[in-house]
All heavy atoms as atom14 arrays in JSON, in Angstrom:
{
  "sequence": "PGKEREFVAAISWAGGTIYYADSVKGRFTISRDNAKNTVYLQMNSLK",
  "atom14_mask": [
    [1, 1, 1, 1, 1, 1, 1, 0, 0, 0, 0, 0, 0, 0],
    [1, 1, 1, 1, 0, 0, 0, 0, 0, 0, 0, 0, 0, 0],
    [1, 1, 1, 1, 1, 1, 1, 1, 1, 0, 0, 0, 0, 0],
    [1, 1, 1, 1, 1, 1, 1, 1, 1, 0, 0, 0, 0, 0],
    [1, 1, 1, 1, 1, 1, 1, 1, 1, 1, 1, 0, 0, 0],
    [1, 1, 1, 1, 1, 1, 1, 1, 1, 0, 0, 0, 0, 0],
    [1, 1, 1, 1, 1, 1, 1, 1, 1, 1, 1, 0, 0, 0],
    [1, 1, 1, 1, 1, 1, 1, 0, 0, 0, 0, 0, 0, 0],
    [1, 1, 1, 1, 1, 0, 0, 0, 0, 0, 0, 0, 0, 0],
    [1, 1, 1, 1, 1, 0, 0, 0, 0, 0, 0, 0, 0, 0],
    [1, 1, 1, 1, 1, 1, 1, 1, 0, 0, 0, 0, 0, 0],
    [1, 1, 1, 1, 1, 1, 0, 0, 0, 0, 0, 0, 0, 0],
    [1, 1, 1, 1, 1, 1, 1, 1, 1, 1, 1, 1, 1, 1],
    [1, 1, 1, 1, 1, 0, 0, 0, 0, 0, 0, 0, 0, 0],
    [1, 1, 1, 1, 0, 0, 0, 0, 0, 0, 0, 0, 0, 0],
    [1, 1, 1, 1, 0, 0, 0, 0, 0, 0, 0, 0, 0, 0],
    [1, 1, 1, 1, 1, 1, 1, 0, 0, 0, 0, 0, 0, 0],
    [1, 1, 1, 1, 1, 1, 1, 1, 0, 0, 0, 0, 0, 0],
    [1, 1, 1, 1, 1, 1, 1, 1, 1, 1, 1, 1, 0, 0],
    [1, 1, 1, 1, 1, 1, 1, 1, 1, 1, 1, 1, 0, 0],
    [1, 1, 1, 1, 1, 0, 0, 0, 0, 0, 0, 0, 0, 0],
    [1, 1, 1, 1, 1, 1, 1, 1, 0, 0, 0, 0, 0, 0],
    [1, 1, 1, 1, 1, 1, 0, 0, 0, 0, 0, 0, 0, 0],
    [1, 1, 1, 1, 1, 1, 1, 0, 0, 0, 0, 0, 0, 0],
    [1, 1, 1, 1, 1, 1, 1, 1, 1, 0, 0, 0, 0, 0],
    [1, 1, 1, 1, 0, 0, 0, 0, 0, 0, 0, 0, 0, 0],
    [1, 1, 1, 1, 1, 1, 1, 1, 1, 1, 1, 0, 0, 0],
    [1, 1, 1, 1, 1, 1, 1, 1, 1, 1, 1, 0, 0, 0],
    [1, 1, 1, 1, 1, 1, 1, 0, 0, 0, 0, 0, 0, 0],
    [1, 1, 1, 1, 1, 1, 1, 1, 0, 0, 0, 0, 0, 0],
    [1, 1, 1, 1, 1, 1, 0, 0, 0, 0, 0, 0, 0, 0],
    [1, 1, 1, 1, 1, 1, 1, 1, 1, 1, 1, 0, 0, 0],
    [1, 1, 1, 1, 1, 1, 1, 1, 0, 0, 0, 0, 0, 0],
    [1, 1, 1, 1, 1, 1, 1, 1, 0, 0, 0, 0, 0, 0],
    [1, 1, 1, 1, 1, 0, 0, 0, 0, 0, 0, 0, 0, 0],
    [1, 1, 1, 1, 1, 1, 1, 1, 1, 0, 0, 0, 0, 0],
    [1, 1, 1, 1, 1, 1, 1, 1, 0, 0, 0, 0, 0, 0],
    [1, 1, 1, 1, 1, 1, 1, 0, 0, 0, 0, 0, 0, 0],
    [1, 1, 1, 1, 1, 1, 1, 0, 0, 0, 0, 0, 0, 0],
    [1, 1, 1, 1, 1, 1, 1, 1, 1, 1, 1, 1, 0, 0],
    [1, 1, 1, 1, 1, 1, 1, 1, 0, 0, 0, 0, 0, 0],
    [1, 1, 1, 1, 1, 1, 1, 1, 1, 0, 0, 0, 0, 0],
    [1, 1, 1, 1, 1, 1, 1, 1, 0, 0, 0, 0, 0, 0],
    [1, 1, 1, 1, 1, 1, 1, 1, 0, 0, 0, 0, 0, 0],
    [1, 1, 1, 1, 1, 1, 0, 0, 0, 0, 0, 0, 0, 0],
    [1, 1, 1, 1, 1, 1, 1, 1, 0, 0, 0, 0, 0, 0],
    [1, 1, 1, 1, 1, 1, 1, 1, 1, 0, 0, 0, 0, 0]
  ],
  "atom14_positions": [
    [[11.31, 9.65, -1.54], [12.53, 10.48, -1.28], [12.18, 11.94, -1.18], [11.38, 12.45, -1.98], [13.49, 10.23, -2.5], [13.1, 8.86, -2.92], [11.57, 8.79, -2.77], [0.0, 0.0, 0.0], [0.0, 0.0, 0.0], [0.0, 0.0, 0.0], [0.0, 0.0, 0.0], [0.0, 0.0, 0.0], [0.0, 0.0, 0.0], [0.0, 0.0, 0.0]],
    [[12.6, 12.57, -0.1], [12.32, 13.98, 0.12], [10.97, 14.27, 0.71], [10.65, 15.45, 0.86], [0.0, 0.0, 0.0], [0.0, 0.0, 0.0], [0.0, 0.0, 0.0], [0.0, 0.0, 0.0], [0.0, 0.0, 0.0], [0.0, 0.0, 0.0], [0.0, 0.0, 0.0], [0.0, 0.0, 0.0], [0.0, 0.0, 0.0], [0.0, 0.0, 0.0]],
    [[10.23, 13.34, 1.02], [8.86, 13.45, 1.45], [8.64, 12.74, 2.83], [9.44, 11.7, 3.11], [7.81, 12.96, 0.61], [7.8, 13.7, -0.74], [6.68, 13.18, -1.69], [6.58, 13.9, -2.91], [5.47, 13.41, -3.83], [0.0, 0.0, 0.0], [0.0, 0.0, 0.0], [0.0, 0.0, 0.0], [0.0, 0.0, 0.0], [0.0, 0.0, 0.0]],
    [[7.79, 13.19, 3.63], [7.48, 12.53, 4.91], [6.65, 11.26, 4.69], [5.94, 11.21, 3.63], [6.74, 13.47, 5.85], [7.56, 14.66, 6.3], [6.89, 15.44, 7.49], [6.04, 14.86, 8.09], [7.32, 16.54, 7.62], [0.0, 0.0, 0.0], [0.0, 0.0, 0.0], [0.0, 0.0, 0.0], [0.0, 0.0, 0.0], [0.0, 0.0, 0.0]],
    [[6.72, 10.39, 5.55], [5.91, 9.2, 5.45], [4.42, 9.56, 5.49], [3.98, 10.35, 6.37], [6.17, 8.29, 6.7], [5.55, 6.92, 6.66], [6.16, 5.98, 7.64], [6.04, 6.63, 8.96], [6.93, 6.37, 9.91], [7.97, 5.53, 9.77], [6.81, 6.98, 11.15], [0.0, 0.0, 0.0], [0.0, 0.0, 0.0], [0.0, 0.0, 0.0]],
    [[3.69, 9.02, 4.63], [2.23, 9.49, 4.5], [1.35, 8.16, 4.52], [1.68, 7.07, 4.2], [1.99, 10.22, 3.19], [2.2, 9.36, 1.88], [1.85, 10.06, 0.67], [1.49, 11.26, 0.75], [2.01, 9.52, -0.45], [0.0, 0.0, 0.0], [0.0, 0.0, 0.0], [0.0, 0.0, 0.0], [0.0, 0.0, 0.0], [0.0, 0.0, 0.0]],
    [[0.17, 8.46, 4.94], [-0.85, 7.46, 5.04], [-1.43, 6.96, 3.7], [-1.48, 7.77, 2.8], [-2.06, 8.03, 5.86], [-3.35, 7.08, 5.88], [-3.44, 6.04, 6.65], [-4.36, 7.42, 5.04], [-4.52, 5.21, 6.61], [-5.5, 6.72, 4.95], [-5.61, 5.6, 5.79], [0.0, 0.0, 0.0], [0.0, 0.0, 0.0], [0.0, 0.0, 0.0]],
    [[-1.6, 5.63, 3.58], [-2.11, 5.12, 2.37], [-3.39, 4.44, 2.54], [-4.41, 4.78, 1.99], [-1.13, 4.06, 1.83], [-1.77, 3.44, 0.55], [0.18, 4.73, 1.44], [0.0, 0.0, 0.0], [0.0, 0.0, 0.0], [0.0, 0.0, 0.0], [0.0, 0.0, 0.0], [0.0, 0.0, 0.0], [0.0, 0.0, 0.0], [0.0, 0.0, 0.0]],
    [[-3.48, 3.46, 3.62], [-4.74, 2.77, 3.79], [-4.66, 2.17, 5.18], [-3.61, 1.89, 5.74], [-5.03, 1.7, 2.82], [0.0, 0.0, 0.0], [0.0, 0.0, 0.0], [0.0, 0.0, 0.0], [0.0, 0.0, 0.0], [0.0, 0.0, 0.0], [0.0, 0.0, 0.0], [0.0, 0.0, 0.0], [0.0, 0.0, 0.0], [0.0, 0.0, 0.0]],
    [[-5.92, 1.93, 5.8], [-5.92, 1.32, 7.16], [-7.14, 0.5, 7.23], [-8.22, 0.76, 6.59], [-5.95, 2.39, 8.29], [0.0, 0.0, 0.0], [0.0, 0.0, 0.0], [0.0, 0.0, 0.0], [0.0, 0.0, 0.0], [0.0, 0.0, 0.0], [0.0, 0.0, 0.0], [0.0, 0.0, 0.0], [0.0, 0.0, 0.0], [0.0, 0.0, 0.0]],
    [[-7.12, -0.5, 8.08], [-8.26, -1.42, 8.24], [-8.4, -1.81, 9.63], [-7.35, -2.08, 10.34], [-8.17, -2.7, 7.27], [-9.44, -3.49, 7.47], [-6.94, -3.44, 7.6], [-9.49, -4.6, 6.4], [0.0, 0.0, 0.0], [0.0, 0.0, 0.0], [0.0, 0.0, 0.0], [0.0, 0.0, 0.0], [0.0, 0.0, 0.0], [0.0, 0.0, 0.0]],
    [[-9.56, -1.89, 10.21], [-9.76, -2.28, 11.58], [-9.68, -3.82, 11.73], [-9.6, -4.54, 10.76], [-11.07, -1.8, 12.11], [-12.17, -2.34, 11.3], [0.0, 0.0, 0.0], [0.0, 0.0, 0.0], [0.0, 0.0, 0.0], [0.0, 0.0, 0.0], [0.0, 0.0, 0.0], [0.0, 0.0, 0.0], [0.0, 0.0, 0.0], [0.0, 0.0, 0.0]],
    [[-9.64, -4.36, 12.88], [-9.48, -5.73, 13.2], [-10.51, -6.58, 12.43], [-10.17, -7.57, 11.81], [-9.57, -6.13, 14.7], [-9.65, -7.5, 14.97], [-10.75, -8.18, 15.39], [-8.61, -8.46, 14.95], [-10.37, -9.55, 15.62], [-9.07, -9.74, 15.41], [-7.23, -8.35, 14.57], [-8.36, -10.9, 15.38], [-6.43, -9.51, 14.66], [-6.92, -10.71, 14.97]],
    [[-11.83, -6.25, 12.43], [-12.83, -7.01, 11.82], [-13.07, -6.55, 10.37], [-13.91, -7.13, 9.77], [-14.09, -6.84, 12.64], [0.0, 0.0, 0.0], [0.0, 0.0, 0.0], [0.0, 0.0, 0.0], [0.0, 0.0, 0.0], [0.0, 0.0, 0.0], [0.0, 0.0, 0.0], [0.0, 0.0, 0.0], [0.0, 0.0, 0.0], [0.0, 0.0, 0.0]],
    [[-12.3, -5.59, 9.96], [-12.48, -5.08, 8.59], [-13.74, -4.15, 8.46], [-13.94, -3.82, 7.25], [0.0, 0.0, 0.0], [0.0, 0.0, 0.0], [0.0, 0.0, 0.0], [0.0, 0.0, 0.0], [0.0, 0.0, 0.0], [0.0, 0.0, 0.0], [0.0, 0.0, 0.0], [0.0, 0.0, 0.0], [0.0, 0.0, 0.0], [0.0, 0.0, 0.0]],
    [[-14.33, -3.79, 9.53], [-15.55, -2.99, 9.33], [-15.18, -1.53, 9.03], [-16.18, -0.73, 8.6], [0.0, 0.0, 0.0], [0.0, 0.0, 0.0], [0.0, 0.0, 0.0], [0.0, 0.0, 0.0], [0.0, 0.0, 0.0], [0.0, 0.0, 0.0], [0.0, 0.0, 0.0], [0.0, 0.0, 0.0], [0.0, 0.0, 0.0], [0.0, 0.0, 0.0]],
    [[-14.02, -1.14, 9.38], [-13.67, 0.3, 9.1], [-12.37, 0.29, 8.21], [-11.39, -0.28, 8.64], [-13.28, 1.04, 10.5], [-14.42, 0.94, 11.38], [-12.96, 2.39, 10.24], [0.0, 0.0, 0.0], [0.0, 0.0, 0.0], [0.0, 0.0, 0.0], [0.0, 0.0, 0.0], [0.0, 0.0, 0.0], [0.0, 0.0, 0.0], [0.0, 0.0, 0.0]],
    [[-12.5, 0.95, 7.13], [-11.48, 1.0, 6.14], [-11.31, 2.53, 5.72], [-12.35, 3.11, 5.51], [-11.74, 0.1, 4.98], [-11.67, -1.38, 5.42], [-10.66, 0.34, 3.88], [-11.99, -2.32, 4.34], [0.0, 0.0, 0.0], [0.0, 0.0, 0.0], [0.0, 0.0, 0.0], [0.0, 0.0, 0.0], [0.0, 0.0, 0.0], [0.0, 0.0, 0.0]],
    [[-10.07, 2.97, 5.63], [-9.82, 4.31, 5.21], [-8.67, 4.23, 4.04], [-7.82, 3.42, 4.08], [-9.26, 5.19, 6.28], [-10.3, 5.44, 7.41], [-9.97, 5.15, 8.69], [-11.52, 6.1, 7.08], [-10.89, 5.45, 9.73], [-12.44, 6.33, 8.1], [-12.07, 6.01, 9.42], [-13.05, 6.29, 10.41], [0.0, 0.0, 0.0], [0.0, 0.0, 0.0]],
    [[-8.81, 5.11, 3.16], [-7.9, 5.19, 2.14], [-7.45, 6.71, 1.95], [-8.25, 7.58, 2.2], [-8.39, 4.82, 0.79], [-8.66, 3.3, 0.68], [-10.04, 2.81, 0.84], [-7.68, 2.36, 0.47], [-10.32, 1.49, 0.76], [-7.96, 1.06, 0.39], [-9.23, 0.62, 0.53], [-9.55, -0.71, 0.49], [0.0, 0.0, 0.0], [0.0, 0.0, 0.0]],
    [[-6.23, 6.93, 1.61], [-5.79, 8.32, 1.25], [-6.56, 8.64, -0.02], [-6.79, 7.72, -0.85], [-4.29, 8.32, 1.07], [0.0, 0.0, 0.0], [0.0, 0.0, 0.0], [0.0, 0.0, 0.0], [0.0, 0.0, 0.0], [0.0, 0.0, 0.0], [0.0, 0.0, 0.0], [0.0, 0.0, 0.0], [0.0, 0.0, 0.0], [0.0, 0.0, 0.0]],
    [[-6.86, 9.94, -0.27], [-7.53, 10.31, -1.43], [-6.7, 9.99, -2.7], [-7.38, 9.66, -3.8], [-7.81, 11.85, -1.41], [-8.85, 12.21, -0.48], [-9.63, 11.34, 0.03], [-8.85, 13.44, -0.02], [0.0, 0.0, 0.0], [0.0, 0.0, 0.0], [0.0, 0.0, 0.0], [0.0, 0.0, 0.0], [0.0, 0.0, 0.0], [0.0, 0.0, 0.0]],
    [[-5.44, 10.01, -2.63], [-4.59, 9.72, -3.72], [-4.69, 8.29, -4.2], [-4.26, 8.03, -5.4], [-3.13, 10.08, -3.39], [-2.67, 9.34, -2.39], [0.0, 0.0, 0.0], [0.0, 0.0, 0.0], [0.0, 0.0, 0.0], [0.0, 0.0, 0.0], [0.0, 0.0, 0.0], [0.0, 0.0, 0.0], [0.0, 0.0, 0.0], [0.0, 0.0, 0.0]],
    [[-5.14, 7.31, -3.42], [-5.09, 5.99, -3.81], [-6.52, 5.38, -3.85], [-6.74, 4.3, -4.28], [-4.22, 5.06, -2.9], [-2.88, 5.64, -2.76], [-4.96, 4.98, -1.57], [0.0, 0.0, 0.0], [0.0, 0.0, 0.0], [0.0, 0.0, 0.0], [0.0, 0.0, 0.0], [0.0, 0.0, 0.0], [0.0, 0.0, 0.0], [0.0, 0.0, 0.0]],
    [[-7.58, 6.19, -3.42], [-8.9, 5.72, -3.4], [-9.32, 5.24, -4.82], [-9.21, 5.96, -5.76], [-9.77, 6.81, -2.79], [-11.16, 6.37, -2.39], [-11.94, 7.52, -1.75], [-11.19, 7.92, -0.47], [-11.94, 8.93, 0.29], [0.0, 0.0, 0.0], [0.0, 0.0, 0.0], [0.0, 0.0, 0.0], [0.0, 0.0, 0.0], [0.0, 0.0, 0.0]],
    [[-9.99, 4.03, -4.81], [-10.44, 3.55, -6.14], [-9.4, 2.74, -6.81], [-9.81, 2.01, -7.7], [0.0, 0.0, 0.0], [0.0, 0.0, 0.0], [0.0, 0.0, 0.0], [0.0, 0.0, 0.0], [0.0, 0.0, 0.0], [0.0, 0.0, 0.0], [0.0, 0.0, 0.0], [0.0, 0.0, 0.0], [0.0, 0.0, 0.0], [0.0, 0.0, 0.0]],
    [[-8.27, 2.84, -6.36], [-7.11, 2.0, -7.01], [-6.54, 0.91, -6.11], [-6.16, -0.15, -6.54], [-5.94, 2.98, -7.5], [-6.47, 4.07, -8.48], [-5.27, 4.82, -9.02], [-4.58, 5.55, -8.07], [-3.27, 5.38, -7.71], [-2.61, 4.47, -8.28], [-2.73, 6.15, -6.74], [0.0, 0.0, 0.0], [0.0, 0.0, 0.0], [0.0, 0.0, 0.0]],
    [[-6.43, 1.31, -4.87], [-5.86, 0.29, -3.87], [-6.94, -0.29, -3.02], [-7.99, 0.36, -2.78], [-4.81, 1.13, -2.9], [-3.62, 1.57, -3.59], [-3.41, 1.56, -4.97], [-2.61, 2.05, -2.79], [-2.31, 2.02, -5.52], [-1.38, 2.56, -3.37], [-1.27, 2.51, -4.72], [0.0, 0.0, 0.0], [0.0, 0.0, 0.0], [0.0, 0.0, 0.0]],
    [[-6.74, -1.46, -2.58], [-7.61, -2.23, -1.7], [-6.79, -2.85, -0.6], [-5.89, -3.61, -0.82], [-8.42, -3.3, -2.43], [-9.04, -2.74, -3.49], [-9.35, -3.97, -1.52], [0.0, 0.0, 0.0], [0.0, 0.0, 0.0], [0.0, 0.0, 0.0], [0.0, 0.0, 0.0], [0.0, 0.0, 0.0], [0.0, 0.0, 0.0], [0.0, 0.0, 0.0]],
    [[-7.22, -2.49, 0.62], [-6.59, -3.11, 1.84], [-7.5, -4.21, 2.35], [-8.75, -4.07, 2.35], [-6.28, -2.04, 2.88], [-5.45, -2.67, 4.09], [-7.63, -1.45, 3.51], [-5.0, -1.62, 5.12], [0.0, 0.0, 0.0], [0.0, 0.0, 0.0], [0.0, 0.0, 0.0], [0.0, 0.0, 0.0], [0.0, 0.0, 0.0], [0.0, 0.0, 0.0]],
    [[-6.84, -5.24, 2.85], [-7.63, -6.37, 3.45], [-6.76, -7.03, 4.4], [-5.54, -6.85, 4.51], [-8.1, -7.37, 2.39], [-7.01, -7.94, 1.68], [0.0, 0.0, 0.0], [0.0, 0.0, 0.0], [0.0, 0.0, 0.0], [0.0, 0.0, 0.0], [0.0, 0.0, 0.0], [0.0, 0.0, 0.0], [0.0, 0.0, 0.0], [0.0, 0.0, 0.0]],
    [[-7.33, -7.91, 5.27], [-6.57, -8.56, 6.31], [-7.11, -10.01, 6.51], [-8.31, -10.2, 6.34], [-6.46, -7.82, 7.59], [-7.79, -7.62, 8.36], [-7.72, -6.68, 9.55], [-6.79, -7.16, 10.53], [-6.3, -6.48, 11.52], [-6.69, -5.16, 11.62], [-5.53, -7.03, 12.41], [0.0, 0.0, 0.0], [0.0, 0.0, 0.0], [0.0, 0.0, 0.0]],
    [[-6.26, -10.86, 6.8], [-6.56, -12.23, 7.14], [-6.04, -12.5, 8.54], [-4.9, -12.69, 8.75], [-5.95, -13.21, 6.17], [-6.4, -14.65, 6.42], [-6.71, -14.98, 7.45], [-6.34, -15.42, 5.46], [0.0, 0.0, 0.0], [0.0, 0.0, 0.0], [0.0, 0.0, 0.0], [0.0, 0.0, 0.0], [0.0, 0.0, 0.0], [0.0, 0.0, 0.0]],
    [[-6.96, -12.37, 9.47], [-6.54, -12.47, 10.95], [-5.95, -13.86, 11.25], [-5.16, -13.94, 12.13], [-7.66, -12.08, 11.79], [-8.08, -10.57, 11.68], [-7.3, -9.81, 11.27], [-9.3, -10.25, 12.1], [0.0, 0.0, 0.0], [0.0, 0.0, 0.0], [0.0, 0.0, 0.0], [0.0, 0.0, 0.0], [0.0, 0.0, 0.0], [0.0, 0.0, 0.0]],
    [[-6.45, -14.84, 10.65], [-6.06, -16.19, 10.93], [-4.53, -16.32, 10.5], [-3.83, -17.17, 11.06], [-6.94, -17.26, 10.19], [0.0, 0.0, 0.0], [0.0, 0.0, 0.0], [0.0, 0.0, 0.0], [0.0, 0.0, 0.0], [0.0, 0.0, 0.0], [0.0, 0.0, 0.0], [0.0, 0.0, 0.0], [0.0, 0.0, 0.0], [0.0, 0.0, 0.0]],
    [[-4.16, -15.6, 9.5], [-2.81, -15.7, 9.03], [-1.99, -14.5, 9.49], [-0.77, -14.45, 9.1], [-2.77, -15.71, 7.39], [-3.5, -16.9, 6.87], [-3.39, -16.87, 5.45], [-3.97, -18.19, 4.64], [-3.95, -18.06, 3.24], [0.0, 0.0, 0.0], [0.0, 0.0, 0.0], [0.0, 0.0, 0.0], [0.0, 0.0, 0.0], [0.0, 0.0, 0.0]],
    [[-2.57, -13.69, 10.27], [-1.82, -12.47, 10.79], [-1.19, -11.69, 9.67], [-0.02, -11.24, 9.78], [-0.77, -12.98, 11.82], [-1.24, -13.63, 12.98], [-0.65, -14.46, 13.63], [-2.63, -13.4, 13.38], [0.0, 0.0, 0.0], [0.0, 0.0, 0.0], [0.0, 0.0, 0.0], [0.0, 0.0, 0.0], [0.0, 0.0, 0.0], [0.0, 0.0, 0.0]],
    [[-1.95, -11.49, 8.66], [-1.51, -10.75, 7.44], [-2.41, -9.74, 6.97], [-3.62, -9.88, 6.96], [-1.26, -11.84, 6.39], [-0.32, -12.86, 6.77], [-0.6, -11.18, 5.09], [0.0, 0.0, 0.0], [0.0, 0.0, 0.0], [0.0, 0.0, 0.0], [0.0, 0.0, 0.0], [0.0, 0.0, 0.0], [0.0, 0.0, 0.0], [0.0, 0.0, 0.0]],
    [[-1.79, -8.65, 6.53], [-2.54, -7.59, 5.86], [-2.05, -7.46, 4.47], [-0.87, -7.69, 4.17], [-2.48, -6.21, 6.67], [-1.07, -5.75, 6.7], [-3.45, -5.24, 6.12], [0.0, 0.0, 0.0], [0.0, 0.0, 0.0], [0.0, 0.0, 0.0], [0.0, 0.0, 0.0], [0.0, 0.0, 0.0], [0.0, 0.0, 0.0], [0.0, 0.0, 0.0]],
    [[-2.93, -7.1, 3.51], [-2.61, -7.01, 2.22], [-2.92, -5.65, 1.59], [-3.84, -4.95, 2.05], [-3.33, -8.07, 1.31], [-3.21, -9.53, 1.78], [-4.14, -10.05, 2.65], [-2.12, -10.2, 1.4], [-3.93, -11.37, 3.06], [-1.94, -11.51, 1.81], [-2.89, -12.09, 2.71], [-2.67, -13.37, 3.09], [0.0, 0.0, 0.0], [0.0, 0.0, 0.0]],
    [[-2.22, -5.24, 0.62], [-2.51, -4.08, -0.11], [-2.47, -4.33, -1.58], [-1.37, -4.47, -2.2], [-1.58, -2.92, 0.26], [-1.89, -1.5, -0.37], [-3.19, -0.95, 0.24], [-0.77, -0.65, -0.22], [0.0, 0.0, 0.0], [0.0, 0.0, 0.0], [0.0, 0.0, 0.0], [0.0, 0.0, 0.0], [0.0, 0.0, 0.0], [0.0, 0.0, 0.0]],
    [[-3.69, -4.46, -2.17], [-3.73, -4.61, -3.68], [-3.66, -3.37, -4.28], [-4.49, -2.44, -4.04], [-5.01, -5.38, -4.01], [-5.18, -5.57, -5.49], [-4.2, -6.59, -6.11], [-4.0, -7.67, -5.51], [-3.52, -6.25, -7.17], [0.0, 0.0, 0.0], [0.0, 0.0, 0.0], [0.0, 0.0, 0.0], [0.0, 0.0, 0.0], [0.0, 0.0, 0.0]],
    [[-2.72, -3.12, -5.14], [-2.49, -1.75, -5.81], [-2.69, -2.06, -7.3], [-1.91, -2.71, -7.97], [-1.08, -1.34, -5.5], [-0.8, -1.18, -4.0], [0.8, -0.42, -3.67], [1.93, -1.64, -4.32], [0.0, 0.0, 0.0], [0.0, 0.0, 0.0], [0.0, 0.0, 0.0], [0.0, 0.0, 0.0], [0.0, 0.0, 0.0], [0.0, 0.0, 0.0]],
    [[-3.72, -1.32, -7.83], [-3.98, -1.41, -9.25], [-3.77, 0.01, -9.82], [-3.79, 0.96, -9.1], [-5.42, -1.89, -9.44], [-5.72, -3.25, -8.94], [-4.74, -4.1, -8.97], [-6.88, -3.56, -8.43], [0.0, 0.0, 0.0], [0.0, 0.0, 0.0], [0.0, 0.0, 0.0], [0.0, 0.0, 0.0], [0.0, 0.0, 0.0], [0.0, 0.0, 0.0]],
    [[-3.71, -0.02, -11.14], [-3.58, 1.28, -11.81], [-2.52, 2.16, -11.31], [-2.67, 3.35, -11.01], [-4.91, 1.99, -11.87], [-5.94, 1.25, -12.47], [0.0, 0.0, 0.0], [0.0, 0.0, 0.0], [0.0, 0.0, 0.0], [0.0, 0.0, 0.0], [0.0, 0.0, 0.0], [0.0, 0.0, 0.0], [0.0, 0.0, 0.0], [0.0, 0.0, 0.0]],
    [[-1.35, 1.48, -11.05], [-0.19, 2.19, -10.51], [0.25, 3.42, -11.33], [0.2, 3.35, -12.49], [0.86, 1.26, -10.14], [0.62, 0.33, -8.89], [1.53, -0.86, -8.93], [0.81, 1.14, -7.6], [0.0, 0.0, 0.0], [0.0, 0.0, 0.0], [0.0, 0.0, 0.0], [0.0, 0.0, 0.0], [0.0, 0.0, 0.0], [0.0, 0.0, 0.0]],
    [[0.64, 4.39, -10.55], [1.1, 5.61, -11.21], [2.56, 5.82, -10.72], [2.96, 5.44, -9.68], [0.29, 6.79, -10.85], [-1.2, 6.7, -11.15], [-1.96, 7.88, -10.64], [-3.43, 7.73, -10.94], [-4.2, 8.9, -10.41], [0.0, 0.0, 0.0], [0.0, 0.0, 0.0], [0.0, 0.0, 0.0], [0.0, 0.0, 0.0], [0.0, 0.0, 0.0]]
  ]
}
């Protein structure tokens, strides 16, 4: 609320390129399952 939409994490098709926002680096993990057409975001140590 009150903030603009911000980047959290991204992953390329093959998973070879992954980016994280500094604010979530080390806590969040992005992954994708292309066979299932699904992307995941594992969020640990939530604040």
